[in-house]
N, C-alpha and C. Protein backbone atom coordinates (compact mmCIF):
# COMPACT_ATOMS: atom_id res chain seq x y z
N UNK A 1 0.86 -1.20 0.09
CA UNK A 1 0.11 0.16 -0.03
C UNK A 1 0.91 1.15 0.04
N UNK A 2 0.53 2.21 -0.90
CA UNK A 2 1.46 3.38 -1.03
C UNK A 2 0.67 4.51 -0.27
N UNK A 3 1.47 5.11 0.61
CA UNK A 3 0.94 6.29 1.27
C UNK A 3 1.07 7.48 0.58
N UNK A 4 0.05 8.30 0.59
CA UNK A 4 0.09 9.75 0.03
C UNK A 4 0.97 10.64 0.89
N UNK A 5 1.82 11.35 0.27
CA UNK A 5 2.61 12.32 1.00
C UNK A 5 1.80 13.49 1.21
N UNK A 6 2.06 14.26 2.30
CA UNK A 6 1.42 15.45 2.64
C UNK A 6 2.41 16.60 1.90
N UNK A 7 1.69 17.76 1.48
CA UNK A 7 2.44 18.74 1.08
C UNK A 7 3.18 19.38 2.02
N UNK A 8 4.53 19.71 1.73
CA UNK A 8 5.51 20.27 2.72
C UNK A 8 5.05 21.73 3.03
N UNK A 9 5.27 22.06 4.20
CA UNK A 9 4.96 23.36 4.89
C UNK A 9 5.45 24.47 3.82
N UNK A 10 6.73 24.29 3.30
CA UNK A 10 7.10 25.37 2.50
C UNK A 10 6.11 25.56 1.28
N UNK A 11 5.74 24.50 0.72
CA UNK A 11 4.81 24.62 -0.46
C UNK A 11 3.37 25.30 0.11
N UNK A 12 2.88 25.03 1.11
CA UNK A 12 1.75 25.64 1.55
C UNK A 12 1.84 27.07 1.80
N UNK A 13 3.00 27.53 2.41
CA UNK A 13 3.34 28.94 2.60
C UNK A 13 3.47 29.63 1.36
N UNK A 14 4.04 29.14 0.37
CA UNK A 14 4.07 29.80 -1.11
C UNK A 14 2.54 29.90 -1.57
N UNK A 15 2.12 29.02 -1.51
CA UNK A 15 0.53 28.98 -2.17
C UNK A 15 -0.23 30.22 -1.31
N UNK A 16 -0.23 30.15 0.12
CA UNK A 16 -0.80 31.24 0.85
C UNK A 16 -0.18 32.66 0.38
N UNK A 17 1.01 32.73 0.24
CA UNK A 17 1.72 34.04 -0.15
C UNK A 17 1.07 34.49 -1.60
N UNK A 18 1.12 33.49 -2.51
CA UNK A 18 0.60 33.92 -3.80
C UNK A 18 -0.86 34.47 -3.85
N UNK A 19 -1.76 33.72 -3.02
CA UNK A 19 -3.16 34.13 -2.78
C UNK A 19 -3.15 35.47 -2.14
N UNK A 20 -2.47 35.75 -1.20
CA UNK A 20 -2.38 36.99 -0.56
C UNK A 20 -2.06 38.04 -1.45
N UNK A 21 -1.05 37.96 -2.14
CA UNK A 21 -0.53 39.18 -2.97
C UNK A 21 -1.49 39.27 -4.17
N UNK A 22 -2.21 38.28 -4.76
CA UNK A 22 -3.33 38.24 -5.75
C UNK A 22 -4.33 39.14 -5.15
N UNK A 23 -4.81 38.84 -4.02
CA UNK A 23 -5.92 39.76 -3.33
C UNK A 23 -5.56 41.17 -3.19
N UNK A 24 -4.36 41.44 -2.75
CA UNK A 24 -3.82 42.83 -2.57
C UNK A 24 -3.95 43.62 -3.91
N UNK A 25 -3.60 42.95 -4.96
CA UNK A 25 -3.53 43.66 -6.25
C UNK A 25 -4.86 44.01 -6.85
N UNK A 26 -5.85 43.34 -6.18
CA UNK A 26 -7.32 43.71 -6.60
C UNK A 26 -7.92 44.69 -5.72
N UNK A 27 -7.37 44.94 -4.40
CA UNK A 27 -8.18 45.63 -3.64
C UNK A 27 -8.13 47.22 -3.96
N UNK A 28 -9.15 47.87 -3.98
CA UNK A 28 -9.33 49.25 -4.37
C UNK A 28 -9.53 49.47 -5.65
N UNK A 29 -9.56 48.36 -6.42
CA UNK A 29 -9.61 48.65 -8.02
C UNK A 29 -11.14 48.40 -8.26
N UNK A 30 -11.67 48.95 -9.39
CA UNK A 30 -13.03 48.82 -9.84
C UNK A 30 -13.01 47.73 -10.76
N UNK A 31 -14.22 46.96 -10.91
CA UNK A 31 -14.33 45.65 -11.72
C UNK A 31 -15.09 46.36 -12.88
N UNK A 32 -14.46 46.15 -14.11
CA UNK A 32 -15.17 46.64 -15.22
C UNK A 32 -15.33 45.53 -16.42
N UNK A 33 -16.55 45.47 -17.10
CA UNK A 33 -16.57 44.51 -18.09
C UNK A 33 -15.84 44.70 -19.33
N UNK A 34 -16.02 43.77 -20.26
CA UNK A 34 -15.42 43.78 -21.64
C UNK A 34 -16.01 44.85 -22.54
N UNK A 35 -17.11 45.12 -22.31
CA UNK A 35 -17.85 46.40 -22.93
C UNK A 35 -18.60 47.26 -21.87
N UNK A 36 -18.45 48.63 -21.93
CA UNK A 36 -19.13 49.39 -20.99
C UNK A 36 -19.36 50.67 -21.62
N UNK A 37 -20.39 51.47 -21.15
CA UNK A 37 -20.72 52.73 -21.68
C UNK A 37 -19.79 53.72 -20.98
N UNK A 38 -19.03 54.36 -21.82
CA UNK A 38 -18.04 55.32 -21.53
C UNK A 38 -18.48 56.77 -22.02
N UNK A 39 -18.28 57.96 -21.43
CA UNK A 39 -18.90 59.18 -21.95
C UNK A 39 -17.55 60.02 -22.17
N UNK A 40 -17.55 60.70 -23.34
CA UNK A 40 -16.37 61.61 -23.74
C UNK A 40 -16.77 62.78 -23.07
N UNK A 41 -16.30 63.06 -21.96
CA UNK A 41 -16.86 64.37 -21.15
C UNK A 41 -16.72 65.54 -21.89
N UNK A 42 -15.57 65.90 -22.69
CA UNK A 42 -15.35 67.14 -23.59
C UNK A 42 -16.43 67.31 -24.46
N UNK A 43 -17.21 66.18 -24.80
CA UNK A 43 -18.30 66.30 -26.00
C UNK A 43 -19.76 66.00 -25.40
N UNK A 44 -19.67 65.50 -24.07
CA UNK A 44 -21.06 65.10 -23.64
C UNK A 44 -21.61 64.02 -24.48
N UNK A 45 -20.80 63.00 -24.92
CA UNK A 45 -21.25 61.98 -25.93
C UNK A 45 -20.88 60.69 -25.52
N UNK A 46 -21.73 59.82 -25.19
CA UNK A 46 -21.58 58.41 -24.63
C UNK A 46 -21.36 57.42 -25.88
N UNK A 47 -20.54 56.41 -25.67
CA UNK A 47 -20.19 55.43 -26.57
C UNK A 47 -20.26 53.96 -25.72
N UNK A 48 -20.67 53.03 -26.49
CA UNK A 48 -20.63 51.65 -26.10
C UNK A 48 -19.12 51.23 -26.38
N UNK A 49 -18.27 51.29 -25.46
CA UNK A 49 -16.80 50.99 -25.65
C UNK A 49 -16.37 49.70 -25.52
N UNK A 50 -15.31 49.18 -26.20
CA UNK A 50 -14.68 47.92 -25.94
C UNK A 50 -13.46 48.09 -25.04
N UNK A 51 -13.48 47.28 -24.06
CA UNK A 51 -12.18 47.42 -23.16
C UNK A 51 -11.28 46.39 -23.68
N UNK A 52 -10.19 46.95 -23.99
CA UNK A 52 -8.84 46.15 -24.55
C UNK A 52 -7.75 46.22 -23.97
N UNK A 53 -7.60 45.35 -23.20
CA UNK A 53 -6.28 45.21 -22.13
C UNK A 53 -5.03 45.09 -23.18
N UNK A 54 -5.20 44.58 -24.47
CA UNK A 54 -4.01 44.50 -25.30
C UNK A 54 -3.49 45.76 -26.01
N UNK A 55 -4.52 46.86 -26.01
CA UNK A 55 -4.10 48.09 -26.56
C UNK A 55 -3.38 48.85 -25.52
N UNK A 56 -2.31 49.49 -25.92
CA UNK A 56 -1.71 50.56 -24.99
C UNK A 56 -2.48 51.71 -24.75
N UNK A 57 -2.98 52.26 -25.78
CA UNK A 57 -3.49 53.57 -25.78
C UNK A 57 -5.12 53.46 -26.25
N UNK A 58 -5.81 54.35 -25.80
CA UNK A 58 -7.33 54.48 -26.07
C UNK A 58 -7.32 55.10 -27.35
N UNK A 59 -8.32 54.72 -28.15
CA UNK A 59 -8.44 55.09 -29.64
C UNK A 59 -9.96 55.35 -29.87
N UNK A 60 -10.33 56.50 -30.48
CA UNK A 60 -11.70 56.89 -30.95
C UNK A 60 -12.07 57.31 -32.32
N UNK A 61 -13.18 56.84 -32.89
CA UNK A 61 -13.64 57.18 -34.02
C UNK A 61 -13.64 58.64 -34.40
N UNK A 62 -12.80 59.08 -35.22
CA UNK A 62 -12.62 60.58 -35.36
C UNK A 62 -12.64 60.87 -36.93
N UNK A 63 -13.42 61.61 -37.51
CA UNK A 63 -13.61 61.94 -38.90
C UNK A 63 -13.52 63.45 -39.17
N UNK A 64 -13.12 63.75 -40.35
CA UNK A 64 -13.15 65.18 -40.78
C UNK A 64 -12.12 66.02 -39.91
N UNK A 65 -10.78 65.35 -39.94
CA UNK A 65 -9.58 65.97 -39.02
C UNK A 65 -9.23 67.10 -39.82
N UNK A 66 -9.14 68.32 -39.29
CA UNK A 66 -8.65 69.55 -39.75
C UNK A 66 -7.52 70.14 -38.84
N UNK A 67 -6.31 70.16 -39.18
CA UNK A 67 -5.31 70.87 -38.29
C UNK A 67 -5.03 72.26 -38.76
N UNK A 68 -5.15 73.30 -37.74
CA UNK A 68 -4.91 74.67 -38.15
C UNK A 68 -3.43 74.85 -38.50
N UNK A 69 -3.27 75.57 -39.57
CA UNK A 69 -1.88 75.92 -39.93
C UNK A 69 -1.11 74.66 -40.33
N UNK A 70 -1.76 73.59 -40.99
CA UNK A 70 -1.13 72.36 -41.09
C UNK A 70 0.08 72.22 -41.81
N UNK A 71 0.84 71.37 -41.45
CA UNK A 71 2.05 70.94 -42.10
C UNK A 71 1.83 69.58 -42.68
N UNK A 72 2.58 69.29 -43.90
CA UNK A 72 2.37 67.75 -44.55
C UNK A 72 3.13 66.79 -43.54
N UNK A 73 3.92 67.16 -42.86
CA UNK A 73 4.62 66.20 -42.02
C UNK A 73 3.86 66.23 -40.79
N UNK A 74 3.22 65.02 -40.32
CA UNK A 74 2.40 65.14 -39.10
C UNK A 74 3.20 65.46 -37.85
N UNK A 75 4.13 65.21 -37.47
CA UNK A 75 5.09 65.51 -36.37
C UNK A 75 5.13 66.82 -36.19
N UNK A 76 5.26 67.76 -37.32
CA UNK A 76 5.39 69.22 -37.41
C UNK A 76 3.93 69.76 -36.97
N UNK A 77 2.87 69.08 -36.67
CA UNK A 77 1.79 69.73 -36.14
C UNK A 77 1.51 69.51 -34.81
N UNK A 78 2.38 68.76 -34.08
CA UNK A 78 2.30 68.79 -32.71
C UNK A 78 2.34 70.18 -32.07
N UNK A 79 1.35 70.38 -31.14
CA UNK A 79 1.06 71.50 -30.37
C UNK A 79 0.13 72.66 -31.11
N UNK A 80 -0.39 72.03 -32.38
CA UNK A 80 -1.29 72.91 -33.13
C UNK A 80 -2.65 72.28 -32.73
N UNK A 81 -3.81 73.10 -33.02
CA UNK A 81 -4.99 72.77 -32.79
C UNK A 81 -5.63 71.94 -33.83
N UNK A 82 -6.39 70.82 -33.42
CA UNK A 82 -7.06 70.00 -34.58
C UNK A 82 -8.57 69.91 -34.18
N UNK A 83 -9.33 70.01 -35.16
CA UNK A 83 -10.68 69.97 -34.97
C UNK A 83 -11.17 68.73 -35.70
N UNK A 84 -11.98 67.91 -35.21
CA UNK A 84 -12.60 66.63 -35.69
C UNK A 84 -13.90 66.32 -35.32
N UNK A 85 -14.60 65.39 -35.63
CA UNK A 85 -15.90 64.94 -35.42
C UNK A 85 -15.91 63.67 -34.83
N UNK A 86 -16.26 63.35 -33.49
CA UNK A 86 -16.26 61.96 -33.12
C UNK A 86 -17.86 61.59 -33.26
N UNK A 87 -17.85 60.24 -33.57
CA UNK A 87 -19.20 59.59 -33.93
C UNK A 87 -19.28 58.37 -33.28
N UNK A 88 -20.50 58.22 -32.62
CA UNK A 88 -20.66 56.89 -31.74
C UNK A 88 -21.39 55.93 -32.54
N UNK A 89 -21.80 54.74 -31.92
CA UNK A 89 -22.44 53.56 -32.65
C UNK A 89 -23.85 53.98 -32.93
N UNK A 90 -24.27 54.95 -32.41
CA UNK A 90 -25.87 55.36 -32.70
C UNK A 90 -25.80 56.42 -33.85
N UNK A 91 -24.56 56.78 -34.24
CA UNK A 91 -24.32 57.86 -35.28
C UNK A 91 -24.67 59.20 -34.97
N UNK A 92 -24.63 59.40 -33.36
CA UNK A 92 -24.46 60.72 -32.93
C UNK A 92 -23.09 61.26 -33.03
N UNK A 93 -23.09 62.53 -33.14
CA UNK A 93 -21.72 63.19 -33.58
C UNK A 93 -21.62 64.44 -32.73
N UNK A 94 -20.22 64.83 -32.47
CA UNK A 94 -20.05 66.24 -31.91
C UNK A 94 -18.60 66.50 -32.49
N UNK A 95 -18.57 67.86 -32.83
CA UNK A 95 -17.42 68.32 -33.41
C UNK A 95 -16.51 68.86 -32.04
N UNK A 96 -15.12 68.53 -32.02
CA UNK A 96 -14.17 68.66 -31.03
C UNK A 96 -12.99 69.41 -31.39
N UNK A 97 -12.49 70.22 -30.69
CA UNK A 97 -11.13 70.91 -31.03
C UNK A 97 -10.23 70.71 -29.74
N UNK A 98 -9.06 70.17 -30.08
CA UNK A 98 -8.06 69.88 -29.05
C UNK A 98 -6.75 70.23 -29.56
N UNK A 99 -5.80 70.29 -28.78
CA UNK A 99 -4.42 70.35 -29.19
C UNK A 99 -3.61 69.04 -29.36
N UNK A 100 -2.93 68.93 -30.50
CA UNK A 100 -2.11 67.63 -30.75
C UNK A 100 -1.18 67.45 -29.90
N UNK A 101 -1.17 66.45 -29.03
CA UNK A 101 -0.24 66.00 -28.03
C UNK A 101 1.05 65.36 -28.64
N UNK A 102 0.86 64.34 -29.62
CA UNK A 102 1.81 63.64 -30.16
C UNK A 102 1.25 62.98 -31.41
N UNK A 103 2.19 62.26 -32.17
CA UNK A 103 1.85 61.51 -33.36
C UNK A 103 2.29 60.09 -33.04
N UNK A 104 1.51 59.18 -33.18
CA UNK A 104 1.99 57.75 -32.70
C UNK A 104 1.87 56.86 -33.94
N UNK A 105 2.72 55.99 -33.97
CA UNK A 105 2.81 54.85 -34.95
C UNK A 105 2.08 53.48 -34.49
N UNK A 106 1.12 53.34 -35.14
CA UNK A 106 0.33 52.15 -34.60
C UNK A 106 0.37 50.95 -35.72
N UNK A 107 0.53 49.74 -35.14
CA UNK A 107 0.72 48.55 -35.74
C UNK A 107 -0.56 47.98 -35.80
N UNK A 108 -1.13 47.42 -36.76
CA UNK A 108 -2.33 46.73 -37.00
C UNK A 108 -2.32 45.63 -38.01
N UNK A 109 -3.39 44.79 -38.23
CA UNK A 109 -3.37 43.78 -39.34
C UNK A 109 -3.07 44.44 -40.66
N UNK A 110 -3.57 45.77 -40.90
CA UNK A 110 -3.40 46.38 -42.19
C UNK A 110 -2.05 46.90 -42.40
N UNK A 111 -0.96 46.92 -41.39
CA UNK A 111 0.27 47.35 -41.46
C UNK A 111 0.35 48.50 -40.28
N UNK A 112 1.25 49.51 -40.67
CA UNK A 112 1.46 50.55 -39.79
C UNK A 112 0.75 52.02 -40.29
N UNK A 113 0.35 52.57 -39.30
CA UNK A 113 -0.19 53.99 -39.55
C UNK A 113 0.08 54.97 -38.55
N UNK A 114 0.26 56.29 -39.05
CA UNK A 114 0.38 57.25 -38.08
C UNK A 114 -0.88 57.76 -37.56
N UNK A 115 -1.05 58.17 -36.31
CA UNK A 115 -2.26 58.84 -35.82
C UNK A 115 -1.90 59.96 -34.94
N UNK A 116 -2.77 61.05 -34.96
CA UNK A 116 -2.65 62.26 -34.20
C UNK A 116 -3.24 61.62 -32.63
N UNK A 117 -2.60 62.19 -31.72
CA UNK A 117 -3.12 61.99 -30.38
C UNK A 117 -3.44 63.17 -29.77
N UNK A 118 -4.51 63.24 -28.97
CA UNK A 118 -4.90 64.28 -28.28
C UNK A 118 -5.45 63.81 -26.60
N UNK A 119 -5.58 64.79 -25.85
CA UNK A 119 -5.98 64.40 -24.50
C UNK A 119 -7.44 64.51 -24.44
N UNK A 120 -8.25 63.57 -23.72
CA UNK A 120 -9.60 63.77 -23.53
C UNK A 120 -9.89 63.04 -22.30
N UNK A 121 -10.94 63.81 -21.72
CA UNK A 121 -11.49 62.99 -20.51
C UNK A 121 -12.62 62.12 -20.75
N UNK A 122 -12.39 60.87 -20.23
CA UNK A 122 -13.39 59.87 -20.44
C UNK A 122 -13.95 59.45 -18.96
N UNK A 123 -15.28 59.32 -18.97
CA UNK A 123 -15.94 58.96 -17.70
C UNK A 123 -16.79 57.60 -17.74
N UNK A 124 -16.65 56.97 -16.75
CA UNK A 124 -17.56 55.72 -16.57
C UNK A 124 -18.47 55.90 -15.60
N UNK A 125 -19.76 56.16 -16.08
CA UNK A 125 -20.66 56.48 -15.11
C UNK A 125 -20.34 57.63 -14.16
N UNK A 126 -20.67 57.68 -12.93
CA UNK A 126 -20.57 58.89 -12.12
C UNK A 126 -19.51 58.27 -11.16
N UNK A 127 -18.91 57.00 -11.35
CA UNK A 127 -17.93 56.29 -10.59
C UNK A 127 -16.41 56.87 -10.87
N UNK A 128 -15.98 57.14 -12.10
CA UNK A 128 -14.72 57.26 -12.51
C UNK A 128 -14.71 58.23 -13.63
N UNK A 129 -13.61 58.97 -13.57
CA UNK A 129 -13.17 59.97 -14.72
C UNK A 129 -11.66 60.17 -14.83
N UNK A 130 -11.21 60.07 -16.07
CA UNK A 130 -9.75 60.16 -16.19
C UNK A 130 -9.40 61.05 -17.42
N UNK A 131 -8.40 61.89 -17.47
CA UNK A 131 -8.01 62.45 -18.76
C UNK A 131 -6.81 61.79 -19.18
N UNK A 132 -6.96 61.10 -20.48
CA UNK A 132 -5.98 60.31 -21.09
C UNK A 132 -5.55 60.75 -22.56
N UNK A 133 -4.42 60.37 -22.98
CA UNK A 133 -4.28 60.44 -24.44
C UNK A 133 -4.94 59.41 -25.20
N UNK A 134 -5.56 59.91 -26.28
CA UNK A 134 -6.35 59.10 -27.14
C UNK A 134 -5.91 59.39 -28.65
N UNK A 135 -5.76 58.15 -29.44
CA UNK A 135 -5.39 58.29 -30.77
C UNK A 135 -6.66 58.41 -31.63
N UNK A 136 -6.55 59.23 -32.66
CA UNK A 136 -7.76 59.54 -33.54
C UNK A 136 -7.54 58.62 -34.85
N UNK A 137 -8.79 57.84 -34.95
CA UNK A 137 -8.58 57.01 -36.05
C UNK A 137 -10.18 56.86 -36.59
N UNK A 138 -10.25 56.62 -38.12
CA UNK A 138 -11.61 56.38 -38.48
C UNK A 138 -11.88 54.96 -38.34
N UNK A 139 -12.73 54.67 -37.36
CA UNK A 139 -13.17 53.29 -36.90
C UNK A 139 -14.67 53.02 -37.61
N UNK A 140 -14.87 53.64 -38.70
CA UNK A 140 -16.35 53.55 -39.21
C UNK A 140 -16.54 51.81 -39.43
N UNK A 141 -15.65 51.17 -39.79
CA UNK A 141 -16.05 49.82 -40.12
C UNK A 141 -16.09 48.91 -38.77
N UNK A 142 -15.66 49.49 -37.74
CA UNK A 142 -15.53 48.59 -36.45
C UNK A 142 -16.77 48.83 -35.67
N UNK A 143 -17.06 47.77 -35.07
CA UNK A 143 -18.37 47.52 -34.27
C UNK A 143 -18.30 48.70 -33.10
N UNK A 144 -17.12 48.62 -32.50
CA UNK A 144 -16.98 49.75 -31.27
C UNK A 144 -16.18 50.98 -31.75
N UNK A 145 -16.78 51.97 -31.50
CA UNK A 145 -16.15 53.35 -31.89
C UNK A 145 -15.16 53.88 -30.98
N UNK A 146 -15.28 53.31 -29.87
CA UNK A 146 -14.34 53.78 -28.78
C UNK A 146 -13.72 52.62 -28.23
N UNK A 147 -12.41 52.41 -28.25
CA UNK A 147 -11.57 51.35 -27.81
C UNK A 147 -10.91 51.95 -26.61
N UNK A 148 -11.13 51.49 -25.41
CA UNK A 148 -10.36 51.64 -24.18
C UNK A 148 -9.16 50.91 -23.93
N UNK A 149 -8.04 51.47 -23.83
CA UNK A 149 -6.75 50.90 -23.77
C UNK A 149 -6.36 50.93 -22.31
N UNK A 150 -5.00 50.38 -22.07
CA UNK A 150 -4.39 50.18 -20.97
C UNK A 150 -4.09 51.60 -20.23
N UNK A 151 -3.87 52.73 -20.89
CA UNK A 151 -3.61 53.92 -20.34
C UNK A 151 -4.85 54.57 -19.55
N UNK A 152 -6.09 54.03 -19.84
CA UNK A 152 -7.39 54.58 -19.06
C UNK A 152 -7.45 53.62 -17.94
N UNK A 153 -7.14 52.29 -18.08
CA UNK A 153 -7.35 51.20 -17.14
C UNK A 153 -6.33 51.09 -16.16
N UNK A 154 -5.00 51.60 -16.36
CA UNK A 154 -4.03 51.16 -15.53
C UNK A 154 -4.25 51.64 -13.98
N UNK A 155 -3.82 50.67 -12.99
CA UNK A 155 -3.87 51.02 -11.83
C UNK A 155 -5.23 51.07 -11.17
N UNK A 156 -6.11 51.19 -11.89
CA UNK A 156 -7.68 51.45 -11.34
C UNK A 156 -8.59 50.47 -11.65
N UNK A 157 -8.49 49.47 -12.55
CA UNK A 157 -9.47 48.46 -12.95
C UNK A 157 -8.95 47.11 -13.08
N UNK A 158 -9.88 46.04 -12.85
CA UNK A 158 -9.74 44.54 -13.15
C UNK A 158 -10.95 44.53 -14.09
N UNK A 159 -10.45 43.64 -15.26
CA UNK A 159 -11.40 43.53 -16.25
C UNK A 159 -12.22 42.10 -15.95
N UNK A 160 -13.33 42.17 -15.94
CA UNK A 160 -14.33 40.62 -15.82
C UNK A 160 -15.17 40.58 -17.06
N UNK A 161 -14.54 39.70 -17.88
CA UNK A 161 -15.21 39.46 -19.05
C UNK A 161 -16.53 38.96 -19.07
N UNK A 162 -16.93 38.50 -17.77
CA UNK A 162 -18.42 37.96 -17.65
C UNK A 162 -19.42 39.01 -17.35
N UNK A 163 -18.80 40.26 -16.82
CA UNK A 163 -19.78 41.23 -16.42
C UNK A 163 -20.65 41.80 -17.45
N UNK A 164 -21.92 42.03 -17.10
CA UNK A 164 -22.85 42.59 -18.20
C UNK A 164 -22.67 44.09 -18.21
N UNK A 165 -22.99 44.64 -19.38
CA UNK A 165 -22.79 46.11 -19.62
C UNK A 165 -23.74 46.93 -18.60
N UNK A 166 -23.46 47.86 -18.27
CA UNK A 166 -24.34 48.79 -17.33
C UNK A 166 -24.14 50.21 -18.00
N UNK A 167 -25.33 50.98 -18.01
CA UNK A 167 -25.34 52.33 -18.32
C UNK A 167 -24.88 53.28 -17.34
């Protein structure tokens, strides 16, 4: 007859430590679903947003981009005003003017593209609001017109993919 061995005290201590550290990292964080209603505060416009932990930066559907005193070299436009229209999934739109903070190179399945980056305040209900950099992109063919990236989520959220959408 073979006796089953008990786990060593060291193994149990490691397991308890891992569970403790995991719990601490969640304490104080909001739980958010994989899709949520997010308001672009600057425009008082709500979007059904996709929460994407794989995206470094938040991206919004923006059309009709117009840079004041525009240069053909996008990087030369940093610091200038840009006017654009944001459009949500209900086809509601608002014109917004912001200062270009940066130009970023984004890799996607179609290759690489340069995008203007602006700062926008985004709110999740009455619970949370944060001003972050957002890249401007025509997302017309995409289901979600607002993609929330890690720059908005970091240090404040845990994503629960089973969570139902709340308004």
